[in-house]
Amino acid sequence: MNEDKIKGQWKQLAGKLKAKWGKLTDDDLKIAEGNSEYLAGKLQERYGIARDEADKQIRDFDRLL
């Protein structure tokens, strides 16, 4: 994900991220603050998916924006 894009539009994105991945908490999103690596780690943790899959889901999500 484009880190600058994420940081610049974080509040908007945070709502969309929470809608897509409801298991992410507000605290997860607050800590992430645009850090896609942290976000991928949290997706792994919350959904029990592999890192490659978490990265793929984030890239796919980014393309939809």
PDB file of N, CA and C in Angstrom:
ATOM      1  N   MET A   1       0.835  -1.174   0.000  1.00  0.00           N
ATOM      2  CA  MET A   1       0.000   0.000   0.000  1.00  0.00           C
ATOM      3  C   MET A   1       0.878   1.235   0.000  1.00  0.00           C
ATOM      4  N   ASN A   2       0.455   2.257  -0.641  1.00  0.00           N
ATOM      5  CA  ASN A   2       1.210   3.497  -0.692  1.00  0.00           C
ATOM      6  C   ASN A   2       1.139   4.169   0.680  1.00  0.00           C
ATOM      7  N   GLU A   3       2.279   4.190   1.383  1.00  0.00           N
ATOM      8  CA  GLU A   3       2.312   4.698   2.755  1.00  0.00           C
ATOM      9  C   GLU A   3       1.878   6.166   2.846  1.00  0.00           C
ATOM     10  N   ASP A   4       2.289   6.992   1.882  1.00  0.00           N
ATOM     11  CA  ASP A   4       1.900   8.406   1.903  1.00  0.00           C
ATOM     12  C   ASP A   4       0.394   8.559   1.749  1.00  0.00           C
ATOM     13  N   LYS A   5      -0.176   7.765   0.856  1.00  0.00           N
ATOM     14  CA  LYS A   5      -1.626   7.798   0.632  1.00  0.00           C
ATOM     15  C   LYS A   5      -2.359   7.411   1.911  1.00  0.00           C
ATOM     16  N   ILE A   6      -1.873   6.378   2.559  1.00  0.00           N
ATOM     17  CA  ILE A   6      -2.507   5.902   3.784  1.00  0.00           C
ATOM     18  C   ILE A   6      -2.452   6.970   4.869  1.00  0.00           C
ATOM     19  N   LYS A   7      -1.270   7.533   5.076  1.00  0.00           N
ATOM     20  CA  LYS A   7      -1.111   8.529   6.135  1.00  0.00           C
ATOM     21  C   LYS A   7      -1.955   9.766   5.871  1.00  0.00           C
ATOM     22  N   GLY A   8      -2.061  10.170   4.614  1.00  0.00           N
ATOM     23  CA  GLY A   8      -2.806  11.370   4.270  1.00  0.00           C
ATOM     24  C   GLY A   8      -4.304  11.228   4.409  1.00  0.00           C
ATOM     25  N   GLN A   9      -4.793  10.032   4.249  1.00  0.00           N
ATOM     26  CA  GLN A   9      -6.245   9.806   4.276  1.00  0.00           C
ATOM     27  C   GLN A   9      -6.634   8.814   5.371  1.00  0.00           C
ATOM     28  N   TRP A  10      -5.870   8.775   6.440  1.00  0.00           N
ATOM     29  CA  TRP A  10      -6.027   7.711   7.419  1.00  0.00           C
ATOM     30  C   TRP A  10      -7.422   7.650   8.047  1.00  0.00           C
ATOM     31  N   LYS A  11      -8.013   8.754   8.407  1.00  0.00           N
ATOM     32  CA  LYS A  11      -9.324   8.707   9.070  1.00  0.00           C
ATOM     33  C   LYS A  11     -10.381   8.099   8.164  1.00  0.00           C
ATOM     34  N   GLN A  12     -10.364   8.469   6.888  1.00  0.00           N
ATOM     35  CA  GLN A  12     -11.313   7.883   5.943  1.00  0.00           C
ATOM     36  C   GLN A  12     -11.043   6.394   5.780  1.00  0.00           C
ATOM     37  N   LEU A  13      -9.786   6.072   5.627  1.00  0.00           N
ATOM     38  CA  LEU A  13      -9.418   4.677   5.415  1.00  0.00           C
ATOM     39  C   LEU A  13      -9.726   3.814   6.633  1.00  0.00           C
ATOM     40  N   ALA A  14      -9.539   4.364   7.814  1.00  0.00           N
ATOM     41  CA  ALA A  14      -9.774   3.594   9.030  1.00  0.00           C
ATOM     42  C   ALA A  14     -11.215   3.073   9.075  1.00  0.00           C
ATOM     43  N   GLY A  15     -12.161   3.900   8.700  1.00  0.00           N
ATOM     44  CA  GLY A  15     -13.553   3.455   8.667  1.00  0.00           C
ATOM     45  C   GLY A  15     -13.780   2.364   7.643  1.00  0.00           C
ATOM     46  N   LYS A  16     -13.167   2.501   6.486  1.00  0.00           N
ATOM     47  CA  LYS A  16     -13.310   1.481   5.435  1.00  0.00           C
ATOM     48  C   LYS A  16     -12.619   0.187   5.829  1.00  0.00           C
ATOM     49  N   LEU A  17     -11.465   0.314   6.483  1.00  0.00           N
ATOM     50  CA  LEU A  17     -10.754  -0.873   6.947  1.00  0.00           C
ATOM     51  C   LEU A  17     -11.580  -1.627   7.974  1.00  0.00           C
ATOM     52  N   LYS A  18     -12.173  -0.897   8.880  1.00  0.00           N
ATOM     53  CA  LYS A  18     -12.983  -1.539   9.922  1.00  0.00           C
ATOM     54  C   LYS A  18     -14.225  -2.199   9.316  1.00  0.00           C
ATOM     55  N   ALA A  19     -14.783  -1.585   8.274  1.00  0.00           N
ATOM     56  CA  ALA A  19     -15.938  -2.187   7.611  1.00  0.00           C
ATOM     57  C   ALA A  19     -15.547  -3.497   6.922  1.00  0.00           C
ATOM     58  N   LYS A  20     -14.360  -3.536   6.335  1.00  0.00           N
ATOM     59  CA  LYS A  20     -13.905  -4.743   5.641  1.00  0.00           C
ATOM     60  C   LYS A  20     -13.432  -5.805   6.621  1.00  0.00           C
ATOM     61  N   TRP A  21     -12.639  -5.405   7.592  1.00  0.00           N
ATOM     62  CA  TRP A  21     -12.072  -6.340   8.559  1.00  0.00           C
ATOM     63  C   TRP A  21     -12.585  -5.974   9.946  1.00  0.00           C
ATOM     64  N   GLY A  22     -13.777  -6.402  10.250  1.00  0.00           N
ATOM     65  CA  GLY A  22     -14.452  -6.046  11.485  1.00  0.00           C
ATOM     66  C   GLY A  22     -13.774  -6.510  12.755  1.00  0.00           C
ATOM     67  N   LYS A  23     -12.871  -7.481  12.643  1.00  0.00           N
ATOM     68  CA  LYS A  23     -12.169  -7.958  13.835  1.00  0.00           C
ATOM     69  C   LYS A  23     -11.058  -7.011  14.273  1.00  0.00           C
ATOM     70  N   LEU A  24     -10.723  -6.038  13.428  1.00  0.00           N
ATOM     71  CA  LEU A  24      -9.731  -5.045  13.830  1.00  0.00           C
ATOM     72  C   LEU A  24     -10.393  -4.072  14.797  1.00  0.00           C
ATOM     73  N   THR A  25      -9.700  -3.774  15.863  1.00  0.00           N
ATOM     74  CA  THR A  25     -10.248  -2.857  16.860  1.00  0.00           C
ATOM     75  C   THR A  25      -9.858  -1.419  16.533  1.00  0.00           C
ATOM     76  N   ASP A  26     -10.518  -0.489  17.193  1.00  0.00           N
ATOM     77  CA  ASP A  26     -10.152   0.922  17.045  1.00  0.00           C
ATOM     78  C   ASP A  26      -8.699   1.131  17.480  1.00  0.00           C
ATOM     79  N   ASP A  27      -8.295   0.423  18.530  1.00  0.00           N
ATOM     80  CA  ASP A  27      -6.911   0.535  18.987  1.00  0.00           C
ATOM     81  C   ASP A  27      -5.935   0.022  17.932  1.00  0.00           C
ATOM     82  N   ASP A  28      -6.275  -1.097  17.272  1.00  0.00           N
ATOM     83  CA  ASP A  28      -5.424  -1.613  16.197  1.00  0.00           C
ATOM     84  C   ASP A  28      -5.220  -0.552  15.129  1.00  0.00           C
ATOM     85  N   LEU A  29      -6.309   0.072  14.732  1.00  0.00           N
ATOM     86  CA  LEU A  29      -6.244   1.068  13.663  1.00  0.00           C
ATOM     87  C   LEU A  29      -5.516   2.331  14.121  1.00  0.00           C
ATOM     88  N   LYS A  30      -5.704   2.700  15.375  1.00  0.00           N
ATOM     89  CA  LYS A  30      -5.023   3.881  15.891  1.00  0.00           C
ATOM     90  C   LYS A  30      -3.517   3.652  15.922  1.00  0.00           C
ATOM     91  N   ILE A  31      -3.106   2.478  16.349  1.00  0.00           N
ATOM     92  CA  ILE A  31      -1.678   2.154  16.408  1.00  0.00           C
ATOM     93  C   ILE A  31      -1.104   2.039  14.997  1.00  0.00           C
ATOM     94  N   ALA A  32      -1.866   1.453  14.086  1.00  0.00           N
ATOM     95  CA  ALA A  32      -1.385   1.260  12.711  1.00  0.00           C
ATOM     96  C   ALA A  32      -1.065   2.597  12.054  1.00  0.00           C
ATOM     97  N   GLU A  33      -1.949   3.583  12.187  1.00  0.00           N
ATOM     98  CA  GLU A  33      -1.751   4.923  11.625  1.00  0.00           C
ATOM     99  C   GLU A  33      -1.059   4.904  10.269  1.00  0.00           C
ATOM    100  N   GLY A  34      -1.530   4.052   9.365  1.00  0.00           N
ATOM    101  CA  GLY A  34      -0.986   4.044   8.017  1.00  0.00           C
ATOM    102  C   GLY A  34       0.158   3.079   7.792  1.00  0.00           C
ATOM    103  N   ASN A  35       0.535   2.310   8.791  1.00  0.00           N
ATOM    104  CA  ASN A  35       1.631   1.356   8.667  1.00  0.00           C
ATOM    105  C   ASN A  35       1.082   0.032   8.142  1.00  0.00           C
ATOM    106  N   SER A  36       1.308  -0.238   6.867  1.00  0.00           N
ATOM    107  CA  SER A  36       0.731  -1.437   6.251  1.00  0.00           C
ATOM    108  C   SER A  36       1.346  -2.711   6.799  1.00  0.00           C
ATOM    109  N   GLU A  37       2.594  -2.672   7.249  1.00  0.00           N
ATOM    110  CA  GLU A  37       3.212  -3.871   7.825  1.00  0.00           C
ATOM    111  C   GLU A  37       2.539  -4.238   9.145  1.00  0.00           C
ATOM    112  N   TYR A  38       2.272  -3.234   9.972  1.00  0.00           N
ATOM    113  CA  TYR A  38       1.563  -3.487  11.228  1.00  0.00           C
ATOM    114  C   TYR A  38       0.162  -4.017  10.933  1.00  0.00           C
ATOM    115  N   LEU A  39      -0.488  -3.411   9.964  1.00  0.00           N
ATOM    116  CA  LEU A  39      -1.840  -3.819   9.597  1.00  0.00           C
ATOM    117  C   LEU A  39      -1.857  -5.272   9.124  1.00  0.00           C
ATOM    118  N   ALA A  40      -0.891  -5.642   8.300  1.00  0.00           N
ATOM    119  CA  ALA A  40      -0.804  -7.023   7.827  1.00  0.00           C
ATOM    120  C   ALA A  40      -0.593  -7.978   8.996  1.00  0.00           C
ATOM    121  N   GLY A  41       0.223  -7.578   9.949  1.00  0.00           N
ATOM    122  CA  GLY A  41       0.442  -8.403  11.140  1.00  0.00           C
ATOM    123  C   GLY A  41      -0.830  -8.601  11.940  1.00  0.00           C
ATOM    124  N   LYS A  42      -1.613  -7.531  12.064  1.00  0.00           N
ATOM    125  CA  LYS A  42      -2.876  -7.636  12.804  1.00  0.00           C
ATOM    126  C   LYS A  42      -3.880  -8.508  12.057  1.00  0.00           C
ATOM    127  N   LEU A  43      -3.899  -8.424  10.728  1.00  0.00           N
ATOM    128  CA  LEU A  43      -4.783  -9.299   9.958  1.00  0.00           C
ATOM    129  C   LEU A  43      -4.393 -10.760  10.175  1.00  0.00           C
ATOM    130  N   GLN A  44      -3.102 -11.024  10.190  1.00  0.00           N
ATOM    131  CA  GLN A  44      -2.630 -12.380  10.461  1.00  0.00           C
ATOM    132  C   GLN A  44      -3.130 -12.854  11.825  1.00  0.00           C
ATOM    133  N   GLU A  45      -2.948 -12.004  12.807  1.00  0.00           N
ATOM    134  CA  GLU A  45      -3.314 -12.347  14.175  1.00  0.00           C
ATOM    135  C   GLU A  45      -4.820 -12.544  14.342  1.00  0.00           C
ATOM    136  N   ARG A  46      -5.595 -11.598  13.849  1.00  0.00           N
ATOM    137  CA  ARG A  46      -7.046 -11.634  14.059  1.00  0.00           C
ATOM    138  C   ARG A  46      -7.758 -12.686  13.205  1.00  0.00           C
ATOM    139  N   TYR A  47      -7.247 -12.934  11.998  1.00  0.00           N
ATOM    140  CA  TYR A  47      -7.939 -13.831  11.070  1.00  0.00           C
ATOM    141  C   TYR A  47      -7.226 -15.161  10.857  1.00  0.00           C
ATOM    142  N   GLY A  48      -6.047 -15.316  11.439  1.00  0.00           N
ATOM    143  CA  GLY A  48      -5.325 -16.576  11.322  1.00  0.00           C
ATOM    144  C   GLY A  48      -4.908 -16.907   9.895  1.00  0.00           C
ATOM    145  N   ILE A  49      -4.485 -15.892   9.167  1.00  0.00           N
ATOM    146  CA  ILE A  49      -4.075 -16.100   7.784  1.00  0.00           C
ATOM    147  C   ILE A  49      -2.560 -15.916   7.666  1.00  0.00           C
ATOM    148  N   ALA A  50      -1.995 -16.434   6.590  1.00  0.00           N
ATOM    149  CA  ALA A  50      -0.562 -16.305   6.340  1.00  0.00           C
ATOM    150  C   ALA A  50      -0.208 -14.865   5.973  1.00  0.00           C
ATOM    151  N   ARG A  51       1.038 -14.514   6.156  1.00  0.00           N
ATOM    152  CA  ARG A  51       1.498 -13.153   5.866  1.00  0.00           C
ATOM    153  C   ARG A  51       1.274 -12.802   4.391  1.00  0.00           C
ATOM    154  N   ASP A  52       1.573 -13.748   3.499  1.00  0.00           N
ATOM    155  CA  ASP A  52       1.370 -13.496   2.072  1.00  0.00           C
ATOM    156  C   ASP A  52      -0.085 -13.157   1.772  1.00  0.00           C
ATOM    157  N   GLU A  53      -0.997 -13.877   2.402  1.00  0.00           N
ATOM    158  CA  GLU A  53      -2.422 -13.629   2.187  1.00  0.00           C
ATOM    159  C   GLU A  53      -2.828 -12.270   2.750  1.00  0.00           C
ATOM    160  N   ALA A  54      -2.304 -11.917   3.919  1.00  0.00           N
ATOM    161  CA  ALA A  54      -2.607 -10.610   4.516  1.00  0.00           C
ATOM    162  C   ALA A  54      -2.119  -9.492   3.605  1.00  0.00           C
ATOM    163  N   ASP A  55      -0.898  -9.628   3.094  1.00  0.00           N
ATOM    164  CA  ASP A  55      -0.367  -8.622   2.178  1.00  0.00           C
ATOM    165  C   ASP A  55      -1.213  -8.523   0.917  1.00  0.00           C
ATOM    166  N   LYS A  56      -1.639  -9.667   0.396  1.00  0.00           N
ATOM    167  CA  LYS A  56      -2.475  -9.695  -0.814  1.00  0.00           C
ATOM    168  C   LYS A  56      -3.803  -8.992  -0.559  1.00  0.00           C
ATOM    169  N   GLN A  57      -4.431  -9.273   0.577  1.00  0.00           N
ATOM    170  CA  GLN A  57      -5.705  -8.633   0.888  1.00  0.00           C
ATOM    171  C   GLN A  57      -5.554  -7.114   0.996  1.00  0.00           C
ATOM    172  N   ILE A  58      -4.455  -6.662   1.575  1.00  0.00           N
ATOM    173  CA  ILE A  58      -4.222  -5.222   1.698  1.00  0.00           C
ATOM    174  C   ILE A  58      -4.003  -4.604   0.323  1.00  0.00           C
ATOM    175  N   ARG A  59      -3.221  -5.259  -0.532  1.00  0.00           N
ATOM    176  CA  ARG A  59      -3.017  -4.754  -1.900  1.00  0.00           C
ATOM    177  C   ARG A  59      -4.335  -4.697  -2.657  1.00  0.00           C
ATOM    178  N   ASP A  60      -5.145  -5.755  -2.544  1.00  0.00           N
ATOM    179  CA  ASP A  60      -6.447  -5.779  -3.219  1.00  0.00           C
ATOM    180  C   ASP A  60      -7.344  -4.660  -2.713  1.00  0.00           C
ATOM    181  N   PHE A  61      -7.336  -4.435  -1.416  1.00  0.00           N
ATOM    182  CA  PHE A  61      -8.125  -3.364  -0.822  1.00  0.00           C
ATOM    183  C   PHE A  61      -7.671  -2.009  -1.362  1.00  0.00           C
ATOM    184  N   ASP A  62      -6.367  -1.826  -1.460  1.00  0.00           N
ATOM    185  CA  ASP A  62      -5.805  -0.567  -1.947  1.00  0.00           C
ATOM    186  C   ASP A  62      -6.243  -0.301  -3.392  1.00  0.00           C
ATOM    187  N   ARG A  63      -6.323  -1.328  -4.201  1.00  0.00           N
ATOM    188  CA  ARG A  63      -6.734  -1.158  -5.605  1.00  0.00           C
ATOM    189  C   ARG A  63      -8.183  -0.688  -5.712  1.00  0.00           C
ATOM    190  N   LEU A  64      -8.995  -1.048  -4.760  1.00  0.00           N
ATOM    191  CA  LEU A  64     -10.407  -0.671  -4.785  1.00  0.00           C
ATOM    192  C   LEU A  64     -10.635   0.788  -4.400  1.00  0.00           C
ATOM    193  N   LEU A  65      -9.633   1.382  -3.774  1.00  0.00           N
ATOM    194  CA  LEU A  65      -9.793   2.775  -3.315  1.00  0.00           C
ATOM    195  C   LEU A  65      -9.637   3.688  -4.438  1.00  0.00           C
TER     196      LEU A  65
END
